[in-house]
Protein backbone atom coordinates (compact mmCIF):
# COMPACT_ATOMS: atom_id res chain seq x y z
CA MET A 1 0.00 0.00 0.00
CA SER A 2 1.43 3.36 -0.99
CA PHE A 3 1.56 6.41 1.22
CA LEU A 4 -1.10 8.25 -0.81
CA THR A 5 -3.47 5.31 -0.50
CA PHE A 6 -2.95 5.25 3.27
CA ILE A 7 -3.67 8.99 3.54
CA THR A 8 -6.78 8.59 1.36
CA PHE A 9 -8.19 5.86 3.59
CA THR A 10 -7.36 7.93 6.67
CA LEU A 11 -9.27 10.92 5.28
CA LEU A 12 -12.21 8.66 4.46
CA LEU A 13 -12.30 7.38 8.04
CA ILE A 14 -12.23 10.92 9.39
CA SER A 15 -15.05 11.75 6.95
CA LEU A 16 -17.21 9.11 8.61
CA GLY A 17 -16.85 10.94 11.91
CA SER A 18 -17.85 14.17 10.25
CA LEU A 19 -20.81 12.47 8.60
CA TYR A 20 -21.92 11.27 12.04
CA ARG A 21 -21.86 14.90 13.22
CA VAL A 22 -23.94 15.98 10.23
CA ILE A 23 -26.59 13.32 10.84
CA PHE A 24 -26.75 13.29 14.64
CA GLY A 25 -25.52 16.79 15.50
CA PRO A 26 -27.31 18.30 18.50
CA THR A 27 -27.71 21.75 16.92
CA PRO A 28 -27.98 22.98 13.33
CA HIS A 29 -24.71 24.87 13.81
CA ASP A 30 -22.90 21.64 14.66
CA ARG A 31 -24.35 20.07 11.54
CA LEU A 32 -23.19 23.00 9.44
CA VAL A 33 -19.63 22.73 10.77
CA GLY A 34 -19.71 18.98 10.13
CA LEU A 35 -20.90 19.56 6.58
CA ASN A 36 -18.17 22.11 5.95
CA LEU A 37 -15.55 19.67 7.28
CA LEU A 38 -17.01 16.86 5.19
CA VAL A 39 -16.73 18.96 2.02
CA ALA A 40 -13.10 19.78 2.80
CA LEU A 41 -12.21 16.14 3.51
CA VAL A 42 -13.93 14.81 0.39
CA THR A 43 -12.14 17.47 -1.66
CA GLY A 44 -8.85 16.29 -0.20
CA VAL A 45 -9.68 12.71 -1.12
CA MET A 46 -10.52 13.78 -4.68
CA VAL A 47 -7.22 15.61 -5.02
CA LEU A 48 -5.27 12.64 -3.66
CA LEU A 49 -7.06 10.30 -6.06
CA ALA A 50 -6.24 12.68 -8.94
CA VAL A 51 -2.56 12.48 -8.02
CA LEU A 52 -2.68 8.73 -7.43
CA TYR A 53 -4.38 7.89 -10.74
CA LYS A 54 -2.77 10.76 -12.70
CA ARG A 55 -6.15 12.12 -13.88
CA ASP A 56 -6.52 15.87 -14.29
CA ILE A 57 -10.30 15.71 -14.55
CA TYR A 58 -10.56 14.79 -10.85
CA LEU A 59 -8.96 18.13 -9.99
CA ASP A 60 -11.66 19.93 -11.96
CA VAL A 61 -14.36 17.93 -10.20
CA ALA A 62 -12.77 18.72 -6.83
CA LEU A 63 -12.74 22.44 -7.66
CA VAL A 64 -16.43 22.44 -8.63
CA TYR A 65 -17.30 20.38 -5.55
CA THR A 66 -15.50 22.88 -3.33
CA MET A 67 -17.33 25.81 -4.88
CA LEU A 68 -20.70 24.09 -4.47
CA GLY A 69 -19.83 23.26 -0.86
CA PHE A 70 -18.96 26.88 -0.16
CA ILE A 71 -22.20 28.12 -1.73
CA SER A 72 -24.23 25.58 0.24
CA VAL A 73 -22.63 26.67 3.52
CA ILE A 74 -23.52 30.28 2.76
CA ALA A 75 -27.10 29.30 1.85
CA VAL A 76 -27.60 27.27 5.02
CA THR A 77 -26.09 30.05 7.13
CA LYS A 78 -28.51 32.59 5.66
CA HIS A 79 -31.37 30.19 6.26
CA LEU A 80 -30.34 29.74 9.90
CA LYS A 81 -30.17 33.50 10.38
CA GLY A 82 -33.73 33.79 9.06
CA LYS A 83 -32.93 35.75 5.91
CA GLY A 84 -33.98 34.75 2.44
CA LEU A 85 -31.48 33.70 -0.19
CA SER A 86 -32.18 36.79 -2.28
CA GLU A 87 -30.99 39.21 0.40
């Protein structure tokens, strides 16, 4: 097993802990932080897989996934504050 494969599996295991926080978080704010961490960890896994398999397209997918994760965090934050998405 290579070092990159080991790091990928480690990030996936940490992602399971973050997914637990998203599903069973006591408050919506805890769930939001868990979701933000999950997006970051999955992005890291995508980048490591792009390096491991030497595929540039995975980097593009990781970039789009990161942008969508950022937009979703902003949308959920506005929803939790009670403002509409158009404001």
